[in-house]
Every structure is written in structure tokens, then in C-alpha cells.
């Protein structure tokens, strides 16, 4: 990786944030984590990442609504929805995401998807 890519992980489960941070930093990414959407929106406004890993089921605002707000602020951001619920994949509201991953203790799928999104989507989003 020539330039270190920055990833923002948004998940209300703190232990998952720690796991994803460790796993993604070991892949060479700069990783920031937040446990709620309000903090994520603030980070997107102040210091946008290259990619957002976004949980769907969170208190106060779900990830689908959060994705809409994030893309409304920065439509060039890449978003990977990361959820324990595969049923959201068929929900048309999830379609603006660049990828959809079902959560697992094995992070290899998430890492593979992130790598693919970041390398195949080098051009800015329209």
C-alpha cells in the first residue's frame, strides 16, 4: 500500500471495535473507532476517512439512516455495511453501500472486502 488508507469503524459493541482496530491495523490501515452515529458524523465532517465500516443495528440511529447522512455529507466515501443480520442485504435501502458483510469472529472476509473496495474504487464516487 503506497498511502496508508484511513478507516472509520462505527459499531456500538466496544469489543468489536477493538477487534476490528487490531485486525485492520495489522493490515496496514489507520483505524479510528466510534460507538455511535453522532460521533461518526462529526468525524466525517472534520476529518473524513477513506472508508467507513458501519454496523446496521445501533441505538438512536440505525446504520441505514447513518449511511444516508454520511453520503449526504460526503458522497465520495466508501461504505461497507457490517452486520449480524443477512436480511438487510435484500433491503433496497442498503444498496448505496459499496459492500455488505455479515459479521463473523473470523475477520478475513471483512478484510478481503475492504481491500477490494479500496483498490477497485480508486476513482472518486460520482
N, C-alpha and C. Protein backbone atom coordinates (compact mmCIF):
# COMPACT_ATOMS: atom_id res chain seq x y z
N UNK A 1 0.84 -1.17 0.00
CA UNK A 1 0.00 0.00 0.00
C UNK A 1 0.89 1.24 0.00
N UNK A 2 0.77 2.08 -1.00
CA UNK A 2 1.63 3.25 -1.10
C UNK A 2 1.24 4.32 -0.08
N UNK A 3 -0.03 4.58 0.08
CA UNK A 3 -0.52 5.57 1.03
C UNK A 3 -1.41 4.86 2.03
N UNK A 4 -1.17 5.11 3.31
CA UNK A 4 -1.97 4.44 4.33
C UNK A 4 -3.42 4.91 4.26
N UNK A 5 -4.32 3.98 4.05
CA UNK A 5 -5.75 4.29 3.97
C UNK A 5 -6.31 4.37 5.38
N UNK A 6 -7.27 5.29 5.53
CA UNK A 6 -7.88 5.52 6.84
C UNK A 6 -9.29 4.96 6.87
N UNK A 7 -9.57 4.18 7.91
CA UNK A 7 -10.86 3.53 8.05
C UNK A 7 -11.51 3.98 9.36
N UNK A 8 -12.79 4.28 9.28
CA UNK A 8 -13.59 4.59 10.45
C UNK A 8 -14.55 3.43 10.69
N UNK A 9 -14.46 2.82 11.86
CA UNK A 9 -15.35 1.72 12.25
C UNK A 9 -16.41 2.29 13.18
N UNK A 10 -17.68 2.07 12.82
CA UNK A 10 -18.81 2.54 13.63
C UNK A 10 -19.59 1.32 14.09
N UNK A 11 -19.50 1.02 15.38
CA UNK A 11 -20.20 -0.14 15.93
C UNK A 11 -20.45 0.12 17.41
N UNK A 12 -21.65 -0.18 17.88
CA UNK A 12 -21.97 0.07 19.28
C UNK A 12 -21.40 -0.98 20.22
N UNK A 13 -20.80 -2.02 19.70
CA UNK A 13 -20.18 -3.07 20.52
C UNK A 13 -18.70 -2.75 20.63
N UNK A 14 -18.29 -2.29 21.82
CA UNK A 14 -16.91 -1.84 22.02
C UNK A 14 -15.88 -2.94 21.74
N UNK A 15 -16.18 -4.17 22.14
CA UNK A 15 -15.22 -5.25 21.91
C UNK A 15 -15.01 -5.50 20.42
N UNK A 16 -16.05 -5.31 19.61
CA UNK A 16 -15.89 -5.47 18.16
C UNK A 16 -15.03 -4.34 17.60
N UNK A 17 -15.23 -3.13 18.10
CA UNK A 17 -14.39 -2.01 17.68
C UNK A 17 -12.91 -2.32 17.95
N UNK A 18 -12.62 -2.87 19.12
CA UNK A 18 -11.24 -3.21 19.46
C UNK A 18 -10.70 -4.32 18.55
N UNK A 19 -11.52 -5.33 18.31
CA UNK A 19 -11.11 -6.42 17.43
C UNK A 19 -10.83 -5.90 16.03
N UNK A 20 -11.75 -5.12 15.47
CA UNK A 20 -11.58 -4.61 14.12
C UNK A 20 -10.37 -3.68 14.04
N UNK A 21 -10.16 -2.86 15.06
CA UNK A 21 -9.00 -1.97 15.07
C UNK A 21 -7.71 -2.80 15.00
N UNK A 22 -7.59 -3.80 15.86
CA UNK A 22 -6.38 -4.63 15.87
C UNK A 22 -6.18 -5.33 14.53
N UNK A 23 -7.24 -5.93 14.02
CA UNK A 23 -7.14 -6.69 12.77
C UNK A 23 -6.81 -5.78 11.58
N UNK A 24 -7.45 -4.64 11.50
CA UNK A 24 -7.24 -3.75 10.35
C UNK A 24 -5.92 -3.02 10.44
N UNK A 25 -5.50 -2.66 11.64
CA UNK A 25 -4.17 -2.04 11.79
C UNK A 25 -3.08 -3.02 11.39
N UNK A 26 -3.28 -4.31 11.67
CA UNK A 26 -2.29 -5.32 11.27
C UNK A 26 -2.22 -5.45 9.74
N UNK A 27 -3.24 -4.97 9.04
CA UNK A 27 -3.25 -4.97 7.58
C UNK A 27 -2.64 -3.68 7.01
N UNK A 28 -2.25 -2.75 7.90
CA UNK A 28 -1.61 -1.53 7.44
C UNK A 28 -2.51 -0.31 7.35
N UNK A 29 -3.74 -0.41 7.82
CA UNK A 29 -4.66 0.72 7.78
C UNK A 29 -4.54 1.56 9.05
N UNK A 30 -4.85 2.83 8.92
CA UNK A 30 -5.04 3.69 10.08
C UNK A 30 -6.51 3.56 10.46
N UNK A 31 -6.80 3.19 11.70
CA UNK A 31 -8.17 2.89 12.09
C UNK A 31 -8.60 3.75 13.27
N UNK A 32 -9.78 4.34 13.12
CA UNK A 32 -10.44 5.04 14.22
C UNK A 32 -11.76 4.34 14.46
N UNK A 33 -12.19 4.30 15.72
CA UNK A 33 -13.45 3.66 16.04
C UNK A 33 -14.32 4.61 16.85
N UNK A 34 -15.62 4.50 16.62
CA UNK A 34 -16.60 5.23 17.43
C UNK A 34 -17.77 4.28 17.69
N UNK A 35 -18.47 4.54 18.80
CA UNK A 35 -19.55 3.65 19.20
C UNK A 35 -20.94 4.20 18.91
N UNK A 36 -21.03 5.37 18.29
CA UNK A 36 -22.35 5.89 17.94
C UNK A 36 -22.27 6.74 16.68
N UNK A 37 -23.42 6.91 16.07
CA UNK A 37 -23.51 7.60 14.78
C UNK A 37 -23.18 9.09 14.91
N UNK A 38 -23.59 9.73 15.99
CA UNK A 38 -23.30 11.16 16.15
C UNK A 38 -21.79 11.41 16.10
N UNK A 39 -21.02 10.59 16.77
CA UNK A 39 -19.56 10.73 16.74
C UNK A 39 -19.02 10.46 15.34
N UNK A 40 -19.61 9.49 14.66
CA UNK A 40 -19.18 9.18 13.29
C UNK A 40 -19.42 10.35 12.36
N UNK A 41 -20.59 10.98 12.46
CA UNK A 41 -20.90 12.12 11.60
C UNK A 41 -19.94 13.27 11.86
N UNK A 42 -19.59 13.48 13.10
CA UNK A 42 -18.64 14.54 13.44
C UNK A 42 -17.27 14.25 12.80
N UNK A 43 -16.83 12.99 12.87
CA UNK A 43 -15.54 12.63 12.27
C UNK A 43 -15.57 12.78 10.74
N UNK A 44 -16.68 12.40 10.14
CA UNK A 44 -16.82 12.54 8.69
C UNK A 44 -16.71 14.01 8.29
N UNK A 45 -17.31 14.89 9.08
CA UNK A 45 -17.26 16.32 8.80
C UNK A 45 -15.86 16.90 9.00
N UNK A 46 -15.20 16.51 10.08
CA UNK A 46 -13.93 17.14 10.46
C UNK A 46 -12.71 16.53 9.79
N UNK A 47 -12.69 15.21 9.65
CA UNK A 47 -11.50 14.52 9.13
C UNK A 47 -11.95 13.23 8.45
N UNK A 48 -12.51 13.34 7.25
CA UNK A 48 -13.12 12.16 6.62
C UNK A 48 -12.13 11.03 6.34
N UNK A 49 -12.55 9.80 6.60
CA UNK A 49 -11.72 8.64 6.29
C UNK A 49 -11.85 8.27 4.81
N UNK A 50 -11.13 7.25 4.40
CA UNK A 50 -11.27 6.73 3.05
C UNK A 50 -12.44 5.75 2.95
N UNK A 51 -12.76 5.11 4.08
CA UNK A 51 -13.79 4.08 4.08
C UNK A 51 -14.42 4.02 5.47
N UNK A 52 -15.72 3.75 5.50
CA UNK A 52 -16.45 3.60 6.77
C UNK A 52 -16.98 2.17 6.83
N UNK A 53 -16.68 1.48 7.93
CA UNK A 53 -17.29 0.19 8.23
C UNK A 53 -18.41 0.49 9.21
N UNK A 54 -19.63 0.17 8.81
CA UNK A 54 -20.81 0.64 9.52
C UNK A 54 -21.72 -0.50 9.93
N UNK A 55 -21.95 -0.62 11.23
CA UNK A 55 -22.93 -1.58 11.75
C UNK A 55 -24.33 -1.07 11.38
N UNK A 56 -25.30 -1.95 11.30
CA UNK A 56 -26.65 -1.51 10.97
C UNK A 56 -27.49 -1.33 12.23
N UNK A 57 -27.54 -2.30 13.09
CA UNK A 57 -28.39 -2.20 14.29
C UNK A 57 -27.62 -1.52 15.42
N UNK A 58 -27.94 -0.25 15.63
CA UNK A 58 -27.33 0.54 16.70
C UNK A 58 -28.42 1.37 17.36
N UNK A 59 -28.21 1.75 18.61
CA UNK A 59 -29.22 2.58 19.28
C UNK A 59 -29.27 3.98 18.69
N UNK A 60 -30.38 4.63 18.86
CA UNK A 60 -30.65 6.01 18.46
C UNK A 60 -30.76 6.21 16.95
N UNK A 61 -29.85 5.69 16.16
CA UNK A 61 -29.95 5.80 14.70
C UNK A 61 -29.33 4.55 14.09
N UNK A 62 -30.07 3.89 13.21
CA UNK A 62 -29.50 2.68 12.61
C UNK A 62 -28.52 3.03 11.50
N UNK A 63 -27.77 2.03 11.09
CA UNK A 63 -26.72 2.23 10.10
C UNK A 63 -27.23 2.61 8.73
N UNK A 64 -28.44 2.19 8.39
CA UNK A 64 -29.01 2.56 7.09
C UNK A 64 -29.23 4.07 7.03
N UNK A 65 -29.87 4.61 8.07
CA UNK A 65 -30.07 6.06 8.12
C UNK A 65 -28.73 6.79 8.21
N UNK A 66 -27.81 6.23 8.99
CA UNK A 66 -26.48 6.84 9.12
C UNK A 66 -25.76 6.89 7.78
N UNK A 67 -25.88 5.81 6.99
CA UNK A 67 -25.25 5.79 5.68
C UNK A 67 -25.79 6.92 4.81
N UNK A 68 -27.10 7.13 4.84
CA UNK A 68 -27.69 8.23 4.08
C UNK A 68 -27.14 9.58 4.50
N UNK A 69 -26.99 9.76 5.79
CA UNK A 69 -26.46 11.04 6.28
C UNK A 69 -24.98 11.21 5.93
N UNK A 70 -24.22 10.12 6.03
CA UNK A 70 -22.80 10.18 5.67
C UNK A 70 -22.64 10.52 4.20
N UNK A 71 -23.36 9.81 3.35
CA UNK A 71 -23.26 10.06 1.90
C UNK A 71 -23.81 11.43 1.53
N UNK A 72 -24.76 11.94 2.30
CA UNK A 72 -25.26 13.29 2.08
C UNK A 72 -24.19 14.34 2.37
N UNK A 73 -23.29 14.03 3.27
CA UNK A 73 -22.20 14.95 3.61
C UNK A 73 -21.01 14.75 2.68
N UNK A 74 -20.69 13.49 2.40
CA UNK A 74 -19.51 13.14 1.61
C UNK A 74 -19.86 11.96 0.71
N UNK A 75 -20.33 12.25 -0.49
CA UNK A 75 -20.75 11.15 -1.36
C UNK A 75 -19.58 10.40 -1.98
N UNK A 76 -18.34 10.83 -1.67
CA UNK A 76 -17.18 10.13 -2.18
C UNK A 76 -16.67 9.06 -1.22
N UNK A 77 -17.25 8.96 -0.03
CA UNK A 77 -16.80 7.97 0.95
C UNK A 77 -17.27 6.58 0.57
N UNK A 78 -16.41 5.62 0.80
CA UNK A 78 -16.75 4.22 0.59
C UNK A 78 -17.36 3.68 1.87
N UNK A 79 -18.42 2.89 1.76
CA UNK A 79 -19.09 2.35 2.94
C UNK A 79 -19.25 0.85 2.81
N UNK A 80 -18.83 0.15 3.86
CA UNK A 80 -19.05 -1.29 3.98
C UNK A 80 -20.01 -1.49 5.14
N UNK A 81 -21.19 -2.01 4.84
CA UNK A 81 -22.13 -2.35 5.91
C UNK A 81 -21.68 -3.68 6.50
N UNK A 82 -21.61 -3.72 7.82
CA UNK A 82 -21.11 -4.90 8.53
C UNK A 82 -22.13 -5.22 9.63
N UNK A 83 -22.89 -6.28 9.43
CA UNK A 83 -23.99 -6.57 10.34
C UNK A 83 -24.13 -8.06 10.60
N UNK A 84 -24.75 -8.38 11.70
CA UNK A 84 -25.02 -9.78 12.03
C UNK A 84 -26.27 -10.30 11.31
N UNK A 85 -26.96 -9.43 10.61
CA UNK A 85 -28.25 -9.77 10.01
C UNK A 85 -28.17 -9.76 8.49
N UNK A 86 -28.18 -10.93 7.90
CA UNK A 86 -28.07 -11.03 6.44
C UNK A 86 -29.32 -10.50 5.74
N UNK A 87 -30.44 -10.40 6.44
CA UNK A 87 -31.70 -9.98 5.81
C UNK A 87 -31.64 -8.56 5.26
N UNK A 88 -30.78 -7.72 5.80
CA UNK A 88 -30.69 -6.34 5.31
C UNK A 88 -30.10 -6.26 3.90
N UNK A 89 -29.41 -7.31 3.48
CA UNK A 89 -28.80 -7.29 2.15
C UNK A 89 -29.84 -7.14 1.05
N UNK A 90 -31.03 -7.66 1.28
CA UNK A 90 -32.11 -7.58 0.29
C UNK A 90 -32.90 -6.28 0.41
N UNK A 91 -32.63 -5.49 1.41
CA UNK A 91 -33.33 -4.23 1.63
C UNK A 91 -32.74 -3.18 0.69
N UNK A 92 -33.57 -2.61 -0.17
CA UNK A 92 -33.06 -1.66 -1.16
C UNK A 92 -32.35 -0.47 -0.51
N UNK A 93 -32.66 -0.17 0.74
CA UNK A 93 -32.01 0.96 1.41
C UNK A 93 -30.54 0.69 1.68
N UNK A 94 -30.11 -0.57 1.63
CA UNK A 94 -28.69 -0.89 1.84
C UNK A 94 -27.88 -0.84 0.54
N UNK A 95 -28.52 -0.72 -0.58
CA UNK A 95 -27.85 -0.78 -1.88
C UNK A 95 -26.82 0.31 -2.13
N UNK A 96 -26.93 1.51 -1.57
CA UNK A 96 -25.88 2.52 -1.82
C UNK A 96 -24.52 2.13 -1.24
N UNK A 97 -24.48 1.16 -0.34
CA UNK A 97 -23.21 0.73 0.24
C UNK A 97 -22.34 0.10 -0.84
N UNK A 98 -21.04 0.24 -0.68
CA UNK A 98 -20.10 -0.38 -1.61
C UNK A 98 -20.00 -1.88 -1.41
N UNK A 99 -20.29 -2.34 -0.20
CA UNK A 99 -20.24 -3.77 0.10
C UNK A 99 -21.05 -4.06 1.36
N UNK A 100 -21.35 -5.33 1.54
CA UNK A 100 -22.16 -5.80 2.64
C UNK A 100 -21.50 -7.06 3.18
N UNK A 101 -21.19 -7.07 4.48
CA UNK A 101 -20.53 -8.22 5.08
C UNK A 101 -21.33 -8.64 6.31
N UNK A 102 -21.56 -9.95 6.43
CA UNK A 102 -22.20 -10.49 7.63
C UNK A 102 -21.10 -10.72 8.67
N UNK A 103 -21.32 -10.18 9.87
CA UNK A 103 -20.33 -10.26 10.94
C UNK A 103 -19.96 -11.71 11.25
N UNK A 104 -18.69 -11.86 11.60
CA UNK A 104 -18.17 -13.16 11.98
C UNK A 104 -16.97 -12.94 12.90
N UNK A 105 -16.68 -13.93 13.74
CA UNK A 105 -15.48 -13.85 14.58
C UNK A 105 -14.23 -13.90 13.71
N UNK A 106 -14.36 -14.49 12.53
CA UNK A 106 -13.27 -14.54 11.56
C UNK A 106 -13.35 -13.28 10.71
N UNK A 107 -12.37 -12.41 10.84
CA UNK A 107 -12.40 -11.13 10.14
C UNK A 107 -11.82 -11.19 8.73
N UNK A 108 -11.48 -12.36 8.25
CA UNK A 108 -10.84 -12.45 6.93
C UNK A 108 -11.76 -11.95 5.81
N UNK A 109 -13.05 -12.23 5.88
CA UNK A 109 -13.98 -11.76 4.86
C UNK A 109 -14.08 -10.23 4.88
N UNK A 110 -14.19 -9.65 6.06
CA UNK A 110 -14.24 -8.19 6.18
C UNK A 110 -12.97 -7.57 5.61
N UNK A 111 -11.82 -8.12 5.94
CA UNK A 111 -10.55 -7.57 5.44
C UNK A 111 -10.45 -7.70 3.92
N UNK A 112 -10.91 -8.83 3.39
CA UNK A 112 -10.88 -9.04 1.94
C UNK A 112 -11.78 -8.03 1.24
N UNK A 113 -12.97 -7.82 1.78
CA UNK A 113 -13.92 -6.89 1.18
C UNK A 113 -13.38 -5.46 1.24
N UNK A 114 -12.84 -5.06 2.36
CA UNK A 114 -12.27 -3.71 2.50
C UNK A 114 -11.16 -3.50 1.49
N UNK A 115 -10.27 -4.46 1.39
CA UNK A 115 -9.16 -4.36 0.43
C UNK A 115 -9.71 -4.21 -0.99
N UNK A 116 -10.72 -5.00 -1.33
CA UNK A 116 -11.32 -4.92 -2.66
C UNK A 116 -11.98 -3.59 -2.93
N UNK A 117 -12.72 -3.09 -1.97
CA UNK A 117 -13.42 -1.80 -2.14
C UNK A 117 -12.40 -0.69 -2.32
N UNK A 118 -11.36 -0.71 -1.52
CA UNK A 118 -10.37 0.37 -1.58
C UNK A 118 -9.53 0.31 -2.86
N UNK A 119 -9.26 -0.86 -3.38
CA UNK A 119 -8.43 -0.95 -4.59
C UNK A 119 -9.26 -0.82 -5.88
N UNK A 120 -10.48 -1.37 -5.89
CA UNK A 120 -11.27 -1.30 -7.12
C UNK A 120 -12.06 -0.01 -7.24
N UNK A 121 -12.10 0.76 -6.20
CA UNK A 121 -12.84 2.01 -6.23
C UNK A 121 -11.90 3.19 -6.02
N UNK A 122 -10.79 3.18 -6.70
CA UNK A 122 -9.84 4.27 -6.55
C UNK A 122 -10.35 5.60 -7.07
N UNK A 123 -11.23 5.54 -8.05
CA UNK A 123 -11.77 6.77 -8.62
C UNK A 123 -12.83 7.35 -7.70
N UNK A 124 -12.96 8.65 -7.68
CA UNK A 124 -13.99 9.25 -6.83
C UNK A 124 -15.39 8.79 -7.23
N UNK A 125 -16.26 8.74 -6.25
CA UNK A 125 -17.66 8.40 -6.46
C UNK A 125 -18.32 9.56 -7.19
N UNK A 126 -19.25 9.26 -8.09
CA UNK A 126 -19.97 10.33 -8.81
C UNK A 126 -20.97 11.03 -7.93
